[in-house]
Amino acid sequence: MSGVSSVSDSTAVPVRFIALMAAMSALDAFSIDGMLPALEIIGEELEVTVANHRQYVVTALFGGFSIGVLIYGFVADHIGRRKPVIAGFLIHLAGSALCCLAESYPVLLLGRVLQGLGAAGPYVLSLAIVRDNYKGRQMARIMSLIMMIFIGVPMVAPFIGQGILLVAGWRSIFLVLGLFSLLVMVWFWCAQPETLKPEDKVVLSFDAVWSSAVQVVTNRQSASYLLAIGAASGAFIAYLSTAQQVFQNIYSLGTEFPVVFAALAGLLGIAAYFNSRWVEKLGMVRLVHLSLSGIVLISAAYVFCYLFLNVVPTLRFFLAYMVVVMFGFALLFGNLSSLALEPMGHIAGSAASLVNCISTLIAILFANLIGSQLQDNAMPVIVGFGALCALAWVLNYQYLKPGARPDDSLTDLR
């Protein structure tokens, strides 16, 4: 079993390594998007009487994921990467089995929490493994290639879920998720050596975790962008958890739902390309400002038409709205995370875990609030995007002025 570190000295693209890291990262997205076409049938079979409660199949996974990113980040810095990754796969397998065999909705939700808790390990530690082996431009290159593959998952997963649903029923989707987890776990076990050097291991203690948490939440910039991530992610998770109801129940798309969902998800990849070019010219803060401004303005326009002109968004108008929103969100996530972690370079790993954990928990609260308001039109989703992005806009605006951030770079001052 050859070490990956030998690849880092070469200019060749490490195809197998990239594929493995992308597969590890994709487990979480596959577990979310692959289930969307089955939400209505799951609700009917497990007797979920309130339609909006079907959304918990999505948010429960995010709940487990939020706890997992915190645990794996600290543990992996203490004992290494391999054992936590394998543990994550095994927990995901257990969650998949529980969902597959569930005879009640609470049991299914418990399985989804376990799936999220497990998927967090491979997701978070794939990034850590890349950082262990690559630096600078080569690391950026590897990460961009991994993200190109990762972005394809939301486009493909609903088709896979829809196909399995039509042929073998919703329980078989969880069976396939478990099989995917097992295959990637075996691949990882056979192909990926430990990457954390013994001298780089850190002592795991409550005091260290608490100290990192205090530094994150008391730093104005980190705390501001942590809340901004939570707000923006809340709107996005609300969209994910309500997508099946909106497209299949409200707009009656039926089996065409995966096509529309995939097309919108494809915009993330297109926008990610433009983000890589624009961020160098505009800087992160200004790009975030422009993106949030666009989302807030178009949301306000739709709300105005609904309240004062009695115009309920048709499918065509909702899709036009989501094109703008999805493109804008692709410009947000990476930049918001970078801005939140910018002052935390001395505790980058633990700070990333904390920011992911806290922001996801905040996002789940917002998403459940938005989802509970869904009835016979998509306006709650639009209002959610507008209101939460307006909150993120306010939090970001304070850093538009040159010199407002201690770590301002020349690109951000333009």
Protein backbone atom coordinates (compact mmCIF):
# COMPACT_ATOMS: atom_id res chain seq x y z
CA MET A 1 0.00 0.00 0.00
CA SER A 2 1.85 3.01 -1.29
CA GLY A 3 1.70 6.36 0.46
CA VAL A 4 -0.16 9.18 -1.19
CA SER A 5 2.52 11.60 -0.13
CA SER A 6 4.67 10.43 -3.02
CA VAL A 7 2.08 11.83 -5.38
CA SER A 8 2.37 15.29 -3.89
CA ASP A 9 5.85 15.66 -5.34
CA SER A 10 4.62 15.04 -8.86
CA THR A 11 2.90 17.35 -11.31
CA ALA A 12 0.75 14.44 -12.56
CA VAL A 13 -2.91 14.43 -11.58
CA PRO A 14 -3.47 11.70 -8.91
CA VAL A 15 -6.66 10.36 -10.51
CA ARG A 16 -7.29 7.48 -8.09
CA PHE A 17 -6.70 9.66 -5.04
CA ILE A 18 -9.05 12.35 -6.37
CA ALA A 19 -11.74 9.77 -7.18
CA LEU A 20 -11.50 8.28 -3.69
CA MET A 21 -11.68 11.64 -1.93
CA ALA A 22 -14.62 12.68 -4.15
CA ALA A 23 -16.46 9.45 -3.34
CA MET A 24 -15.92 10.04 0.39
CA SER A 25 -17.20 13.61 0.09
CA ALA A 26 -20.19 12.51 -1.98
CA LEU A 27 -21.59 10.10 0.62
CA ASP A 28 -23.41 12.91 2.43
CA ALA A 29 -24.85 14.51 -0.71
CA PHE A 30 -25.89 11.12 -2.12
CA SER A 31 -27.68 10.32 1.14
CA ILE A 32 -29.63 13.59 0.91
CA ASP A 33 -30.46 14.01 -2.76
CA GLY A 34 -31.00 10.33 -3.53
CA MET A 35 -33.93 10.23 -1.09
CA LEU A 36 -35.85 13.27 -2.36
CA PRO A 37 -38.06 11.47 -4.92
CA ALA A 38 -39.17 8.97 -2.23
CA LEU A 39 -40.31 11.40 0.48
CA GLU A 40 -44.01 11.27 -0.41
CA ILE A 41 -44.14 7.47 -0.58
CA ILE A 42 -42.21 7.17 2.69
CA GLY A 43 -44.71 9.50 4.34
CA GLU A 44 -47.65 7.48 3.09
CA GLU A 45 -46.24 4.09 4.09
CA LEU A 46 -45.05 5.19 7.54
CA GLU A 47 -48.28 7.14 8.16
CA VAL A 48 -46.86 10.65 8.38
CA THR A 49 -50.12 12.59 8.61
CA VAL A 50 -48.64 16.10 8.33
CA ALA A 51 -47.09 16.57 4.89
CA ASN A 52 -44.50 19.08 6.09
CA HIS A 53 -43.16 16.55 8.60
CA ARG A 54 -41.76 14.55 5.68
CA GLN A 55 -39.09 17.24 5.48
CA TYR A 56 -37.52 15.80 8.64
CA VAL A 57 -36.06 13.00 6.51
CA VAL A 58 -33.67 15.66 5.18
CA THR A 59 -33.16 17.81 8.28
CA ALA A 60 -32.57 14.79 10.55
CA LEU A 61 -29.55 13.85 8.45
CA PHE A 62 -28.20 17.40 8.72
CA GLY A 63 -28.65 17.16 12.50
CA GLY A 64 -26.43 14.09 12.72
CA PHE A 65 -23.97 15.66 10.31
CA SER A 66 -23.63 18.81 12.42
CA ILE A 67 -22.58 16.80 15.47
CA GLY A 68 -20.34 14.54 13.43
CA VAL A 69 -18.21 17.29 11.90
CA LEU A 70 -17.33 18.48 15.40
CA ILE A 71 -16.42 15.04 16.73
CA TYR A 72 -14.38 13.84 13.76
CA GLY A 73 -12.40 17.04 13.41
CA PHE A 74 -11.03 16.91 16.94
CA VAL A 75 -10.64 13.13 17.19
CA ALA A 76 -8.80 12.84 13.86
CA ASP A 77 -6.22 15.40 14.95
CA HIS A 78 -5.58 13.22 18.00
CA ILE A 79 -5.53 9.63 16.68
CA GLY A 80 -5.14 10.05 12.92
CA ARG A 81 -7.43 9.92 9.89
CA ARG A 82 -7.98 6.25 9.07
CA LYS A 83 -9.80 5.03 12.18
CA PRO A 84 -12.34 7.89 12.32
CA VAL A 85 -13.07 7.52 8.59
CA ILE A 86 -13.74 3.79 8.98
CA ALA A 87 -15.88 4.49 12.05
CA GLY A 88 -17.88 7.01 10.01
CA PHE A 89 -18.56 4.50 7.26
CA LEU A 90 -19.67 1.86 9.79
CA ILE A 91 -22.05 4.32 11.49
CA HIS A 92 -23.49 5.27 8.10
CA LEU A 93 -23.94 1.59 7.30
CA ALA A 94 -25.79 1.08 10.58
CA GLY A 95 -28.02 4.07 9.85
CA SER A 96 -28.77 2.78 6.34
CA ALA A 97 -29.73 -0.63 7.72
CA LEU A 98 -31.99 0.94 10.34
CA CYS A 99 -33.74 3.06 7.71
CA CYS A 100 -34.14 0.08 5.42
CA LEU A 101 -35.84 -1.96 8.17
CA ALA A 102 -37.78 0.89 9.82
CA GLU A 103 -41.45 0.20 10.49
CA SER A 104 -42.16 3.60 12.05
CA TYR A 105 -41.27 7.18 11.20
CA PRO A 106 -39.31 7.91 14.43
CA VAL A 107 -37.10 4.87 13.77
CA LEU A 108 -36.47 6.05 10.21
CA LEU A 109 -35.48 9.49 11.50
CA LEU A 110 -33.09 7.91 14.00
CA GLY A 111 -31.51 6.04 11.12
CA ARG A 112 -31.17 9.28 9.20
CA VAL A 113 -29.42 10.94 12.15
CA LEU A 114 -26.99 8.01 12.19
CA GLN A 115 -26.45 8.35 8.45
CA GLY A 116 -25.58 12.02 8.87
CA LEU A 117 -23.36 11.31 11.86
CA GLY A 118 -21.52 8.68 9.86
CA ALA A 119 -21.25 10.57 6.57
CA ALA A 120 -19.67 13.53 8.36
CA GLY A 121 -16.49 11.51 8.97
CA PRO A 122 -15.55 10.71 5.35
CA TYR A 123 -16.65 14.20 4.26
CA VAL A 124 -14.63 16.20 6.80
CA LEU A 125 -11.59 13.96 6.79
CA SER A 126 -11.32 13.79 3.02
CA LEU A 127 -10.52 17.51 3.22
CA ALA A 128 -8.03 16.87 6.03
CA ILE A 129 -6.31 14.13 4.05
CA VAL A 130 -5.92 16.46 1.07
CA ARG A 131 -4.42 19.12 3.39
CA ASP A 132 -2.02 16.51 4.82
CA ASN A 133 -0.62 15.68 1.39
CA TYR A 134 -0.79 18.88 -0.64
CA LYS A 135 -0.13 22.56 -0.17
CA GLY A 136 -0.60 25.83 -2.00
CA ARG A 137 -1.58 25.80 -5.64
CA GLN A 138 -1.35 22.02 -5.92
CA MET A 139 -3.82 21.65 -3.04
CA ALA A 140 -6.15 24.18 -4.69
CA ARG A 141 -5.91 22.25 -7.93
CA ILE A 142 -6.70 18.92 -6.26
CA MET A 143 -9.62 20.45 -4.33
CA SER A 144 -11.09 22.02 -7.46
CA LEU A 145 -11.00 18.66 -9.26
CA ILE A 146 -12.65 16.94 -6.28
CA MET A 147 -15.35 19.61 -6.19
CA MET A 148 -16.03 19.17 -9.92
CA ILE A 149 -16.92 15.53 -9.22
CA PHE A 150 -18.73 16.37 -5.98
CA ILE A 151 -20.98 18.94 -7.67
CA GLY A 152 -22.17 16.23 -10.07
CA VAL A 153 -23.71 14.22 -7.23
CA PRO A 154 -26.83 16.42 -6.73
CA MET A 155 -27.40 16.13 -10.48
CA VAL A 156 -27.19 12.34 -10.59
CA ALA A 157 -28.50 11.25 -7.17
CA PRO A 158 -32.21 12.09 -7.72
CA PHE A 159 -32.18 10.11 -10.99
CA ILE A 160 -30.70 7.12 -9.17
CA GLY A 161 -33.23 7.45 -6.36
CA GLN A 162 -36.12 7.78 -8.83
CA GLY A 163 -34.96 4.74 -10.79
CA ILE A 164 -34.62 2.58 -7.68
CA LEU A 165 -38.00 3.80 -6.42
CA LEU A 166 -39.75 2.79 -9.63
CA VAL A 167 -38.10 -0.64 -9.78
CA ALA A 168 -37.65 -1.79 -6.19
CA GLY A 169 -39.30 0.62 -3.71
CA TRP A 170 -37.99 3.20 -1.28
CA ARG A 171 -36.31 0.79 1.12
CA SER A 172 -33.99 -0.31 -1.65
CA ILE A 173 -32.64 3.26 -1.88
CA PHE A 174 -31.24 2.84 1.63
CA LEU A 175 -29.87 -0.55 0.60
CA VAL A 176 -27.99 1.08 -2.28
CA LEU A 177 -26.72 3.85 0.03
CA GLY A 178 -25.39 1.21 2.41
CA LEU A 179 -23.76 -0.69 -0.45
CA PHE A 180 -22.12 2.51 -1.72
CA SER A 181 -20.82 3.23 1.79
CA LEU A 182 -19.44 -0.30 2.10
CA LEU A 183 -17.67 -0.20 -1.27
CA VAL A 184 -16.03 3.18 -0.61
CA MET A 185 -15.00 2.02 2.88
CA VAL A 186 -13.25 -1.06 1.45
CA TRP A 187 -11.62 1.09 -1.21
CA PHE A 188 -10.39 3.53 1.43
CA TRP A 189 -9.10 0.71 3.66
CA CYS A 190 -7.11 -0.84 0.83
CA ALA A 191 -5.83 2.29 -0.90
CA GLN A 192 -5.35 5.07 1.62
CA PRO A 193 -2.58 5.00 4.26
CA GLU A 194 -2.49 7.17 7.35
CA THR A 195 -1.55 10.74 6.49
CA LEU A 196 -1.25 12.43 9.89
CA LYS A 197 2.36 12.35 11.03
CA PRO A 198 2.95 11.26 14.65
CA GLU A 199 4.60 14.58 15.48
CA ASP A 200 1.52 16.47 14.24
CA LYS A 201 -0.93 14.73 16.56
CA VAL A 202 -2.50 16.98 19.20
CA VAL A 203 -3.75 16.22 22.67
CA LEU A 204 -7.53 15.89 22.86
CA SER A 205 -9.01 17.58 25.90
CA PHE A 206 -12.13 19.44 26.93
CA ASP A 207 -10.06 22.53 27.66
CA ALA A 208 -8.70 22.58 24.10
CA VAL A 209 -12.18 22.23 22.59
CA TRP A 210 -13.60 24.91 24.89
CA SER A 211 -10.73 27.28 24.17
CA SER A 212 -11.25 26.92 20.42
CA ALA A 213 -15.00 27.46 20.77
CA VAL A 214 -14.50 30.62 22.83
CA GLN A 215 -12.07 32.02 20.26
CA VAL A 216 -14.49 31.40 17.41
CA VAL A 217 -17.61 32.87 19.01
CA THR A 218 -15.85 35.87 20.56
CA ASN A 219 -14.05 36.93 17.40
CA ARG A 220 -16.35 39.45 15.71
CA GLN A 221 -15.55 38.46 12.16
CA SER A 222 -15.76 34.71 12.75
CA ALA A 223 -18.98 35.02 14.76
CA SER A 224 -20.56 37.30 12.15
CA TYR A 225 -19.82 34.99 9.25
CA LEU A 226 -20.72 31.91 11.30
CA LEU A 227 -24.21 33.37 11.72
CA ALA A 228 -24.26 34.39 8.05
CA ILE A 229 -23.46 30.81 7.04
CA GLY A 230 -26.18 29.54 9.35
CA ALA A 231 -28.74 31.92 7.85
CA ALA A 232 -27.84 31.23 4.21
CA SER A 233 -27.59 27.47 4.82
CA GLY A 234 -30.96 27.54 6.57
CA ALA A 235 -32.61 28.86 3.43
CA PHE A 236 -30.78 26.32 1.28
CA ILE A 237 -31.64 23.35 3.52
CA ALA A 238 -35.27 24.53 3.52
CA TYR A 239 -35.18 24.39 -0.28
CA LEU A 240 -33.74 20.87 -0.22
CA SER A 241 -36.22 19.57 2.35
CA THR A 242 -39.24 21.09 0.55
CA ALA A 243 -38.10 20.43 -3.04
CA GLN A 244 -40.15 17.24 -3.42
CA GLN A 245 -43.32 18.92 -2.12
CA VAL A 246 -42.81 22.04 -4.20
CA PHE A 247 -42.01 20.38 -7.50
CA GLN A 248 -44.10 17.22 -7.28
CA ASN A 249 -47.10 18.28 -5.16
CA ILE A 250 -47.48 22.01 -5.84
CA TYR A 251 -46.22 22.06 -9.45
CA SER A 252 -47.19 18.45 -10.33
CA LEU A 253 -43.92 17.54 -12.04
CA GLY A 254 -44.15 13.85 -11.08
CA THR A 255 -41.24 11.80 -12.40
CA GLU A 256 -39.81 14.91 -14.12
CA PHE A 257 -38.77 16.26 -10.71
CA PRO A 258 -35.20 14.80 -10.89
CA VAL A 259 -34.67 16.49 -14.27
CA VAL A 260 -35.54 19.94 -12.94
CA PHE A 261 -33.63 19.41 -9.70
CA ALA A 262 -30.55 18.26 -11.60
CA ALA A 263 -30.69 21.22 -13.98
CA LEU A 264 -30.79 23.67 -11.08
CA ALA A 265 -27.98 21.82 -9.30
CA GLY A 266 -25.90 22.07 -12.46
CA LEU A 267 -25.84 25.84 -12.02
CA LEU A 268 -23.70 25.33 -8.92
CA GLY A 269 -20.89 23.98 -11.06
CA ILE A 270 -21.16 26.78 -13.61
CA ALA A 271 -21.19 29.45 -10.93
CA ALA A 272 -18.27 27.82 -9.10
CA TYR A 273 -16.18 28.34 -12.23
CA PHE A 274 -17.06 32.04 -12.37
CA ASN A 275 -16.42 32.36 -8.64
CA SER A 276 -12.83 31.21 -9.10
CA ARG A 277 -12.30 34.04 -11.60
CA TRP A 278 -14.34 36.82 -10.00
CA VAL A 279 -13.05 36.40 -6.46
CA GLU A 280 -9.54 37.42 -7.56
CA LYS A 281 -10.87 40.65 -9.09
CA LEU A 282 -13.58 41.61 -6.61
CA GLY A 283 -12.50 39.97 -3.36
CA MET A 284 -14.59 37.72 -1.16
CA VAL A 285 -16.53 40.38 0.75
CA ARG A 286 -17.65 42.30 -2.32
CA LEU A 287 -18.58 39.12 -4.20
CA VAL A 288 -20.65 37.94 -1.23
CA HIS A 289 -22.28 41.38 -1.08
CA LEU A 290 -23.25 41.33 -4.75
CA SER A 291 -24.56 37.76 -4.56
CA LEU A 292 -26.67 38.40 -1.47
CA SER A 293 -27.94 41.68 -2.91
CA GLY A 294 -29.17 39.89 -6.04
CA ILE A 295 -30.97 37.20 -4.03
CA VAL A 296 -32.58 39.71 -1.65
CA LEU A 297 -33.74 41.99 -4.48
CA ILE A 298 -35.33 39.25 -6.58
CA SER A 299 -36.96 37.77 -3.46
CA ALA A 300 -38.37 41.19 -2.54
CA ALA A 301 -39.75 41.59 -6.07
CA TYR A 302 -41.54 38.24 -5.87
CA VAL A 303 -42.93 39.01 -2.42
CA PHE A 304 -44.19 42.42 -3.64
CA CYS A 305 -45.97 40.81 -6.60
CA TYR A 306 -47.55 38.23 -4.29
CA LEU A 307 -48.71 40.67 -1.60
CA PHE A 308 -49.81 43.65 -3.70
CA LEU A 309 -50.55 42.21 -7.14
CA ASN A 310 -51.91 38.81 -6.01
CA VAL A 311 -49.47 37.05 -8.34
CA VAL A 312 -48.71 33.49 -7.23
CA PRO A 313 -45.47 32.26 -8.83
CA THR A 314 -46.10 29.72 -11.57
CA LEU A 315 -43.60 26.94 -12.25
CA ARG A 316 -41.90 29.02 -14.92
CA PHE A 317 -41.49 32.04 -12.64
CA PHE A 318 -40.32 29.89 -9.72
CA LEU A 319 -37.70 28.22 -11.91
CA ALA A 320 -36.50 31.62 -13.10
CA TYR A 321 -36.20 32.67 -9.48
CA MET A 322 -34.28 29.53 -8.51
CA VAL A 323 -31.83 30.00 -11.39
CA VAL A 324 -30.77 33.32 -9.86
CA VAL A 325 -30.70 31.90 -6.34
CA MET A 326 -28.69 28.78 -7.18
CA PHE A 327 -26.15 30.79 -9.14
CA GLY A 328 -25.85 33.23 -6.24
CA PHE A 329 -25.47 30.51 -3.63
CA ALA A 330 -22.56 28.97 -5.47
CA LEU A 331 -20.78 32.28 -4.95
CA LEU A 332 -21.57 32.28 -1.23
CA PHE A 333 -20.64 29.08 0.53
CA GLY A 334 -16.92 28.87 -0.10
CA ASN A 335 -16.40 32.58 0.42
CA LEU A 336 -18.47 32.77 3.61
CA SER A 337 -16.55 29.83 5.08
CA SER A 338 -13.21 31.38 4.14
CA LEU A 339 -14.19 34.67 5.75
CA ALA A 340 -15.35 32.93 8.93
CA LEU A 341 -12.06 31.04 9.24
CA GLU A 342 -9.79 33.87 8.12
CA PRO A 343 -8.90 35.05 11.67
CA MET A 344 -8.54 31.45 12.93
CA GLY A 345 -5.41 30.35 11.11
CA HIS A 346 -3.74 29.24 14.35
CA ILE A 347 -6.60 26.77 15.05
CA ALA A 348 -7.82 26.19 11.50
CA GLY A 349 -8.85 22.54 11.89
CA SER A 350 -10.80 22.85 15.13
CA ALA A 351 -12.28 26.19 14.05
CA ALA A 352 -13.57 24.64 10.81
CA SER A 353 -15.25 21.85 12.78
CA LEU A 354 -16.84 24.33 15.17
CA VAL A 355 -18.05 26.65 12.42
CA ASN A 356 -19.58 23.73 10.50
CA CYS A 357 -21.25 22.34 13.62
CA ILE A 358 -22.72 25.57 14.97
CA SER A 359 -23.78 26.99 11.60
CA THR A 360 -25.51 23.74 10.61
CA LEU A 361 -27.46 23.62 13.88
CA ILE A 362 -28.56 27.22 13.30
CA ALA A 363 -29.48 26.35 9.72
CA ILE A 364 -31.66 23.41 10.80
CA LEU A 365 -33.70 25.68 13.06
CA PHE A 366 -34.27 28.16 10.24
CA ALA A 367 -35.04 25.38 7.73
CA ASN A 368 -37.65 23.74 9.96
CA LEU A 369 -39.30 27.12 10.53
CA ILE A 370 -39.53 27.80 6.79
CA GLY A 371 -40.64 24.28 5.93
CA SER A 372 -43.45 24.32 8.49
CA GLN A 373 -45.06 27.25 6.62
CA LEU A 374 -45.31 25.44 3.27
CA GLN A 375 -48.88 24.98 2.09
CA ASP A 376 -50.23 25.42 -1.43
CA ASN A 377 -47.54 27.61 -3.04
CA ALA A 378 -43.77 28.16 -2.94
CA MET A 379 -43.85 31.57 -1.28
CA PRO A 380 -42.49 30.36 2.10
CA VAL A 381 -39.35 29.18 0.31
CA ILE A 382 -38.98 32.52 -1.46
CA VAL A 383 -39.60 34.51 1.73
CA GLY A 384 -37.10 32.29 3.54
CA PHE A 385 -34.40 32.93 0.97
CA GLY A 386 -35.08 36.67 1.02
CA ALA A 387 -35.23 37.11 4.79
CA LEU A 388 -32.24 34.94 5.68
CA CYS A 389 -30.08 36.31 2.89
CA ALA A 390 -31.01 39.82 4.09
CA LEU A 391 -29.68 38.85 7.53
CA ALA A 392 -26.47 37.55 5.95
CA TRP A 393 -26.27 40.76 3.87
CA VAL A 394 -26.31 42.89 7.04
CA LEU A 395 -23.64 40.75 8.68
CA ASN A 396 -21.40 41.00 5.60
CA TYR A 397 -21.98 44.72 4.95
CA GLN A 398 -19.94 45.81 7.96
CA TYR A 399 -16.80 44.41 6.27
CA LEU A 400 -17.24 46.15 2.91
CA LYS A 401 -15.26 49.17 4.07
CA PRO A 402 -11.51 48.80 3.34
CA GLY A 403 -9.59 47.84 6.46
CA ALA A 404 -12.67 46.57 8.31
CA ARG A 405 -11.10 43.11 8.49
CA PRO A 406 -7.71 42.67 10.18
CA ASP A 407 -6.69 40.24 7.44
CA ASP A 408 -7.81 42.35 4.48
CA SER A 409 -5.92 41.44 1.33
CA LEU A 410 -5.25 43.70 -1.62
CA THR A 411 -7.81 41.85 -3.70
CA ASP A 412 -10.50 42.58 -1.12
CA LEU A 413 -9.68 46.28 -1.08
CA ARG A 414 -10.41 46.84 -4.71
